[in-house]
Amino acid sequence: MSIAANSPQTNHFRRPTALAAMLVSLVLVATSCGSSASSTTALSLNGSDVSVDKFEKTILQLADAKQLTLENGQATGDVARSVLGAMLRGLATSQIVKQYNEAATQTDKDDVLAQMQEDPNFDALGPDLKDLILSMNATDLALARIKAPAEKEVAAMYEKAPASLGAICAQHILVKESATADKVLKLLNDGGDFKKLAGEYSIEPNATETGGILGSADGDCLLLSDYQAQFDAGFTAGALLAKPGVPYGPVKSSFGYHVILARPYADIAASLNALLKTTPGQMLVVGLLATSTVTVGSQYGHFDAATNKIVAN
């Protein structure tokens, strides 16, 4: 039994090279710098807005470039949510780049332009879309230069919101009944040892040996993006709410009921800091989205932090 919903995936942050993929993932520039108050907001992240007017214009530009198909002159719900999700990721990328004092350079822009010009569809794109692709890919290059935060900052961020670092360092106890989970929670709150109780109560294989720790062969922490792509969404939603050292639950998933512990920072510091050094910018973007206020126009859907997607209402 495993709480992972799918088989492991690799290369989660592969950069798109085809213009079709770049168009859908890099349509933010015209929408991220604030819009006139006359338009209804389609998307907002920490006070940065995308207006409905700007969003609809972007959809039309993508359709004119034959990068998406309209039905009766409009984008379907899934298409609209896909583009909005790309815009949301772009907003988060811009905010992280600014927060960590990075910026796209002229060299970045020149490199991206050279890559774009290799695509046979490049000449067919309108100038606005060319600018969008250029600007957002250059910002991605700036994101790739961000270094992992200092360990003191990592500790402070973890204590405030563990998932803000783009990783989850957790252990859990899985049981069949909610009442059993309540019993385990009481035992833990009365001072019970998590690992010992995992061995006694958890129905997950090898819980006696692992103590319910969810980690990889390389450490005690996993990428939040792995949870969002591979784990049961109910479990991930609960893990996002857990505070360091405080048992949380019961959390219902398709496997049963969980008591989840975000492990104390002292126990996972080495693993977390090592993981952060692999893809810090990307991890911080995922963490920002999972722990920020995201508002989506009700006509489009809502943001689900457990899956990192905009989904239908």
Protein backbone atom coordinates (compact mmCIF):
# COMPACT_ATOMS: atom_id res chain seq x y z
CA MET A 1 0.00 0.00 0.00
CA SER A 2 1.26 3.44 -0.85
CA ILE A 3 -0.21 6.91 -0.62
CA ALA A 4 1.47 7.79 -3.92
CA ALA A 5 -1.21 7.96 -6.58
CA ASN A 6 1.09 7.39 -9.55
CA SER A 7 4.45 5.91 -10.34
CA PRO A 8 7.48 8.14 -9.73
CA GLN A 9 8.30 10.68 -12.37
CA THR A 10 11.60 12.28 -13.24
CA ASN A 11 12.77 15.60 -14.63
CA HIS A 12 9.84 17.53 -13.15
CA PHE A 13 11.26 20.86 -14.29
CA ARG A 14 12.13 20.13 -17.90
CA ARG A 15 12.29 23.43 -19.79
CA PRO A 16 9.97 23.61 -22.81
CA THR A 17 11.73 24.00 -26.13
CA ALA A 18 8.85 23.88 -28.62
CA LEU A 19 7.15 27.19 -29.27
CA ALA A 20 3.73 25.61 -28.71
CA ALA A 21 4.65 24.68 -25.14
CA MET A 22 6.39 28.00 -24.58
CA LEU A 23 3.32 29.93 -25.69
CA VAL A 24 1.04 28.28 -23.17
CA SER A 25 3.51 28.52 -20.33
CA LEU A 26 4.81 32.02 -20.96
CA VAL A 27 1.89 34.35 -21.56
CA LEU A 28 2.25 36.54 -18.51
CA VAL A 29 4.15 39.66 -19.48
CA ALA A 30 1.20 41.64 -20.76
CA THR A 31 -0.83 40.76 -17.66
CA SER A 32 1.56 40.87 -14.73
CA CYS A 33 2.29 44.55 -14.39
CA GLY A 34 -1.07 45.57 -13.04
CA SER A 35 -4.17 46.43 -15.02
CA SER A 36 -6.75 49.18 -15.04
CA ALA A 37 -9.34 48.90 -12.30
CA SER A 38 -12.09 48.82 -14.91
CA SER A 39 -11.68 45.08 -15.59
CA THR A 40 -12.77 42.19 -13.40
CA THR A 41 -9.91 40.14 -12.02
CA ALA A 42 -9.38 36.69 -13.51
CA LEU A 43 -6.45 35.76 -11.30
CA SER A 44 -4.59 37.20 -8.32
CA LEU A 45 -1.49 36.13 -6.41
CA ASN A 46 -0.37 38.14 -3.40
CA GLY A 47 -1.88 41.30 -4.82
CA SER A 48 -0.60 40.87 -8.40
CA ASP A 49 -3.58 40.63 -10.74
CA VAL A 50 -4.49 39.37 -14.19
CA SER A 51 -7.62 41.10 -15.50
CA VAL A 52 -10.36 39.29 -17.38
CA ASP A 53 -9.80 41.66 -20.30
CA LYS A 54 -6.10 40.85 -20.51
CA PHE A 55 -6.77 37.15 -20.10
CA GLU A 56 -9.32 37.07 -22.91
CA LYS A 57 -6.96 38.99 -25.20
CA THR A 58 -4.25 36.44 -24.46
CA ILE A 59 -6.61 33.59 -25.36
CA LEU A 60 -7.37 35.27 -28.69
CA GLN A 61 -3.67 35.83 -29.41
CA LEU A 62 -2.94 32.17 -28.75
CA ALA A 63 -5.83 31.15 -31.01
CA ASP A 64 -4.60 33.47 -33.79
CA ALA A 65 -1.19 31.80 -33.46
CA LYS A 66 -2.95 28.42 -33.80
CA GLN A 67 -1.63 27.32 -30.41
CA LEU A 68 -5.12 26.52 -29.13
CA THR A 69 -8.56 25.97 -30.64
CA LEU A 70 -11.66 27.96 -29.74
CA GLU A 71 -15.16 26.50 -29.67
CA ASN A 72 -17.82 28.96 -30.82
CA GLY A 73 -15.29 31.73 -30.40
CA GLN A 74 -14.44 30.83 -26.80
CA ALA A 75 -11.89 28.70 -24.98
CA THR A 76 -13.25 25.61 -23.27
CA GLY A 77 -13.03 25.39 -19.50
CA ASP A 78 -10.00 23.11 -19.53
CA VAL A 79 -8.16 25.33 -22.01
CA ALA A 80 -8.94 28.47 -20.03
CA ARG A 81 -7.76 26.85 -16.80
CA SER A 82 -4.58 25.62 -18.47
CA VAL A 83 -3.69 29.12 -19.66
CA LEU A 84 -4.61 30.64 -16.29
CA GLY A 85 -2.44 28.05 -14.58
CA ALA A 86 0.48 29.08 -16.79
CA MET A 87 -0.15 32.72 -15.91
CA LEU A 88 -0.22 31.84 -12.23
CA ARG A 89 3.11 30.06 -12.47
CA GLY A 90 4.48 33.10 -14.29
CA LEU A 91 3.30 35.43 -11.53
CA ALA A 92 4.97 33.25 -8.91
CA THR A 93 8.19 33.09 -10.92
CA SER A 94 8.32 36.87 -11.25
CA GLN A 95 7.72 37.32 -7.53
CA ILE A 96 10.44 34.85 -6.53
CA VAL A 97 12.94 36.37 -8.97
CA LYS A 98 12.28 39.81 -7.52
CA GLN A 99 12.33 38.57 -3.92
CA TYR A 100 15.78 37.05 -4.38
CA ASN A 101 17.19 40.09 -6.19
CA GLU A 102 17.59 38.50 -9.60
CA ALA A 103 16.53 39.82 -13.00
CA ALA A 104 16.64 38.78 -16.64
CA THR A 105 19.71 40.15 -18.42
CA GLN A 106 20.21 41.13 -22.03
CA THR A 107 22.28 37.99 -22.47
CA ASP A 108 19.31 35.94 -21.25
CA LYS A 109 17.07 37.63 -23.79
CA ASP A 110 19.57 37.13 -26.60
CA ASP A 111 19.91 33.43 -25.77
CA VAL A 112 16.16 32.93 -25.69
CA LEU A 113 15.65 34.81 -28.95
CA ALA A 114 18.24 32.63 -30.67
CA GLN A 115 16.42 29.53 -29.45
CA MET A 116 13.06 30.88 -30.59
CA GLN A 117 14.37 31.68 -34.07
CA GLU A 118 15.32 28.04 -34.56
CA ASP A 119 11.66 27.05 -34.48
CA PRO A 120 10.01 26.94 -37.94
CA ASN A 121 6.82 28.48 -36.53
CA PHE A 122 8.60 31.57 -35.22
CA ASP A 123 7.91 33.85 -38.18
CA ALA A 124 4.18 33.13 -38.01
CA LEU A 125 3.87 34.54 -34.49
CA GLY A 126 2.66 38.05 -33.90
CA PRO A 127 5.03 40.56 -32.30
CA ASP A 128 3.15 40.57 -28.99
CA LEU A 129 3.46 36.80 -28.60
CA LYS A 130 7.12 36.93 -29.53
CA ASP A 131 7.67 39.47 -26.77
CA LEU A 132 5.73 37.34 -24.29
CA ILE A 133 7.75 34.22 -25.00
CA LEU A 134 11.02 36.13 -24.94
CA SER A 135 10.37 37.92 -21.68
CA MET A 136 9.06 34.96 -19.75
CA ASN A 137 11.75 32.52 -20.87
CA ALA A 138 14.36 35.09 -19.90
CA THR A 139 12.76 35.33 -16.46
CA ASP A 140 13.03 31.54 -16.19
CA LEU A 141 16.75 31.83 -16.84
CA ALA A 142 16.98 34.35 -14.02
CA LEU A 143 15.06 31.94 -11.79
CA ALA A 144 17.65 29.24 -12.53
CA ARG A 145 20.38 31.47 -11.07
CA ILE A 146 18.75 31.78 -7.67
CA LYS A 147 20.76 30.11 -4.93
CA ALA A 148 19.30 28.19 -2.02
CA PRO A 149 18.46 30.40 0.96
CA ALA A 150 20.91 30.48 3.86
CA GLU A 151 20.26 27.83 6.50
CA LYS A 152 19.05 30.44 9.00
CA GLU A 153 16.42 31.61 6.51
CA VAL A 154 15.48 28.04 5.69
CA ALA A 155 14.90 27.32 9.39
CA ALA A 156 12.69 30.40 9.79
CA MET A 157 10.67 29.62 6.65
CA TYR A 158 10.20 26.01 7.72
CA GLU A 159 8.93 26.95 11.16
CA LYS A 160 6.43 29.40 9.66
CA ALA A 161 5.21 27.25 6.73
CA PRO A 162 7.21 24.11 5.85
CA ALA A 163 5.76 23.82 2.35
CA SER A 164 6.96 27.34 1.44
CA LEU A 165 10.33 25.78 0.67
CA GLY A 166 8.86 23.52 -1.99
CA ALA A 167 9.41 20.33 -0.02
CA ILE A 168 7.57 18.20 2.52
CA CYS A 169 9.40 16.39 5.31
CA ALA A 170 6.73 14.25 6.91
CA GLN A 171 5.84 11.06 8.65
CA HIS A 172 2.39 9.61 9.04
CA ILE A 173 0.31 6.91 10.64
CA LEU A 174 -2.30 5.33 8.37
CA VAL A 175 -5.33 3.58 9.85
CA LYS A 176 -8.65 2.30 8.51
CA GLU A 177 -11.07 4.12 10.80
CA SER A 178 -11.43 7.76 11.81
CA ALA A 179 -11.96 6.70 15.43
CA THR A 180 -8.59 4.94 15.42
CA ALA A 181 -6.93 8.07 14.06
CA ASP A 182 -8.55 10.09 16.87
CA LYS A 183 -7.17 7.60 19.38
CA VAL A 184 -3.67 7.85 17.89
CA LEU A 185 -3.87 11.66 17.95
CA LYS A 186 -4.78 11.61 21.64
CA LEU A 187 -1.90 9.27 22.43
CA LEU A 188 0.51 11.55 20.57
CA ASN A 189 -0.80 14.67 22.26
CA ASP A 190 -0.35 12.92 25.59
CA GLY A 191 3.34 12.45 24.82
CA GLY A 192 3.36 9.24 22.82
CA ASP A 193 6.30 8.47 20.53
CA PHE A 194 5.36 8.84 16.86
CA LYS A 195 7.62 6.11 15.53
CA LYS A 196 6.52 3.62 18.17
CA LEU A 197 2.84 4.34 17.58
CA ALA A 198 3.36 4.06 13.80
CA GLY A 199 4.72 0.56 14.31
CA GLU A 200 1.80 -0.33 16.56
CA TYR A 201 -1.13 1.19 14.64
CA SER A 202 -0.21 1.97 11.04
CA ILE A 203 -1.46 -0.39 8.34
CA GLU A 204 1.20 0.82 5.91
CA PRO A 205 3.81 -1.86 5.12
CA ASN A 206 7.16 -1.47 6.91
CA ALA A 207 5.78 1.17 9.29
CA THR A 208 7.60 -0.53 12.16
CA GLU A 209 10.93 0.02 10.41
CA THR A 210 10.25 3.45 8.91
CA GLY A 211 8.23 4.96 11.73
CA GLY A 212 5.96 6.34 9.02
CA ILE A 213 8.68 8.59 7.56
CA LEU A 214 8.07 9.51 3.93
CA GLY A 215 11.38 10.11 2.21
CA SER A 216 13.60 9.09 -0.64
CA ALA A 217 16.72 6.97 -0.66
CA ASP A 218 18.69 10.23 -0.50
CA GLY A 219 16.98 11.86 2.46
CA ASP A 220 13.99 12.53 4.68
CA CYS A 221 12.35 15.19 2.49
CA LEU A 222 10.53 14.98 -0.84
CA LEU A 223 9.81 17.64 -3.42
CA LEU A 224 6.38 19.18 -2.94
CA SER A 225 5.95 18.81 -6.70
CA ASP A 226 6.29 15.03 -6.24
CA TYR A 227 3.48 15.08 -3.70
CA GLN A 228 1.32 17.18 -6.02
CA ALA A 229 1.92 14.94 -9.03
CA GLN A 230 2.09 11.49 -7.44
CA PHE A 231 0.38 11.38 -4.05
CA ASP A 232 -3.26 11.15 -3.07
CA ALA A 233 -4.61 14.72 -3.16
CA GLY A 234 -6.41 14.34 0.15
CA PHE A 235 -3.20 13.35 1.88
CA THR A 236 -1.22 16.16 0.23
CA ALA A 237 -3.84 18.72 1.29
CA GLY A 238 -3.42 17.57 4.88
CA ALA A 239 0.36 17.57 4.70
CA LEU A 240 0.29 21.20 3.53
CA LEU A 241 -1.57 22.17 6.71
CA ALA A 242 0.69 20.35 9.17
CA LYS A 243 2.92 22.44 11.45
CA PRO A 244 6.41 21.33 12.53
CA GLY A 245 6.32 18.93 15.46
CA VAL A 246 2.52 19.05 15.85
CA PRO A 247 0.50 15.92 14.91
CA TYR A 248 -2.29 16.81 12.47
CA GLY A 249 -5.42 14.92 11.52
CA PRO A 250 -7.39 12.90 10.94
CA VAL A 251 -6.79 13.39 7.22
CA LYS A 252 -8.92 11.27 4.90
CA SER A 253 -7.47 9.86 1.71
CA SER A 254 -8.44 7.04 -0.62
CA PHE A 255 -6.33 4.73 1.56
CA GLY A 256 -7.87 5.49 4.93
CA TYR A 257 -7.21 8.04 7.66
CA HIS A 258 -3.85 9.61 8.40
CA VAL A 259 -2.22 11.35 11.30
CA ILE A 260 0.51 13.51 9.77
CA LEU A 261 3.56 15.07 11.38
CA ALA A 262 5.67 17.75 9.70
CA ARG A 263 8.93 16.67 11.26
CA PRO A 264 10.84 19.08 13.52
CA TYR A 265 13.39 21.12 11.62
CA ALA A 266 16.31 19.76 13.63
CA ASP A 267 15.48 16.26 12.42
CA ILE A 268 15.42 17.10 8.72
CA ALA A 269 17.72 20.13 8.38
CA ALA A 270 20.47 18.31 6.50
CA SER A 271 18.05 16.61 4.11
CA LEU A 272 16.05 19.76 3.40
CA ASN A 273 19.07 22.00 2.81
CA ALA A 274 20.63 19.42 0.50
CA LEU A 275 17.41 19.12 -1.50
CA LEU A 276 17.12 22.90 -1.79
CA LYS A 277 20.52 23.08 -3.44
CA THR A 278 19.28 20.99 -6.39
CA THR A 279 16.60 23.29 -7.90
CA PRO A 280 16.10 26.15 -5.42
CA GLY A 281 14.30 28.57 -7.73
CA GLN A 282 11.81 26.00 -8.95
CA MET A 283 11.18 24.73 -5.42
CA LEU A 284 10.57 28.24 -4.12
CA VAL A 285 8.05 28.91 -6.89
CA VAL A 286 6.12 25.74 -6.04
CA GLY A 287 6.31 26.60 -2.34
CA LEU A 288 5.11 30.16 -2.90
CA LEU A 289 2.05 28.95 -4.79
CA ALA A 290 1.20 26.34 -2.15
CA THR A 291 1.35 28.79 0.76
CA SER A 292 0.02 32.03 -0.75
CA THR A 293 -3.39 33.55 -1.28
CA VAL A 294 -4.48 32.61 -4.80
CA THR A 295 -7.77 34.00 -6.10
CA VAL A 296 -9.34 32.80 -9.36
CA GLY A 297 -12.45 34.20 -11.01
CA SER A 298 -15.35 31.90 -10.14
CA GLN A 299 -16.24 31.55 -13.83
CA TYR A 300 -12.97 29.71 -14.36
CA GLY A 301 -12.58 27.59 -11.23
CA HIS A 302 -10.32 27.66 -8.19
CA PHE A 303 -6.71 26.91 -7.34
CA ASP A 304 -6.04 23.54 -5.70
CA ALA A 305 -2.73 23.67 -3.83
CA ALA A 306 -2.73 19.89 -3.35
CA THR A 307 -2.37 19.35 -7.11
CA ASN A 308 -0.89 22.75 -8.06
CA LYS A 309 -3.66 23.23 -10.63
CA ILE A 310 -6.62 25.48 -11.34
CA VAL A 311 -9.61 23.15 -11.32
CA ALA A 312 -13.32 23.49 -12.05
CA ASN A 313 -15.63 24.58 -9.24
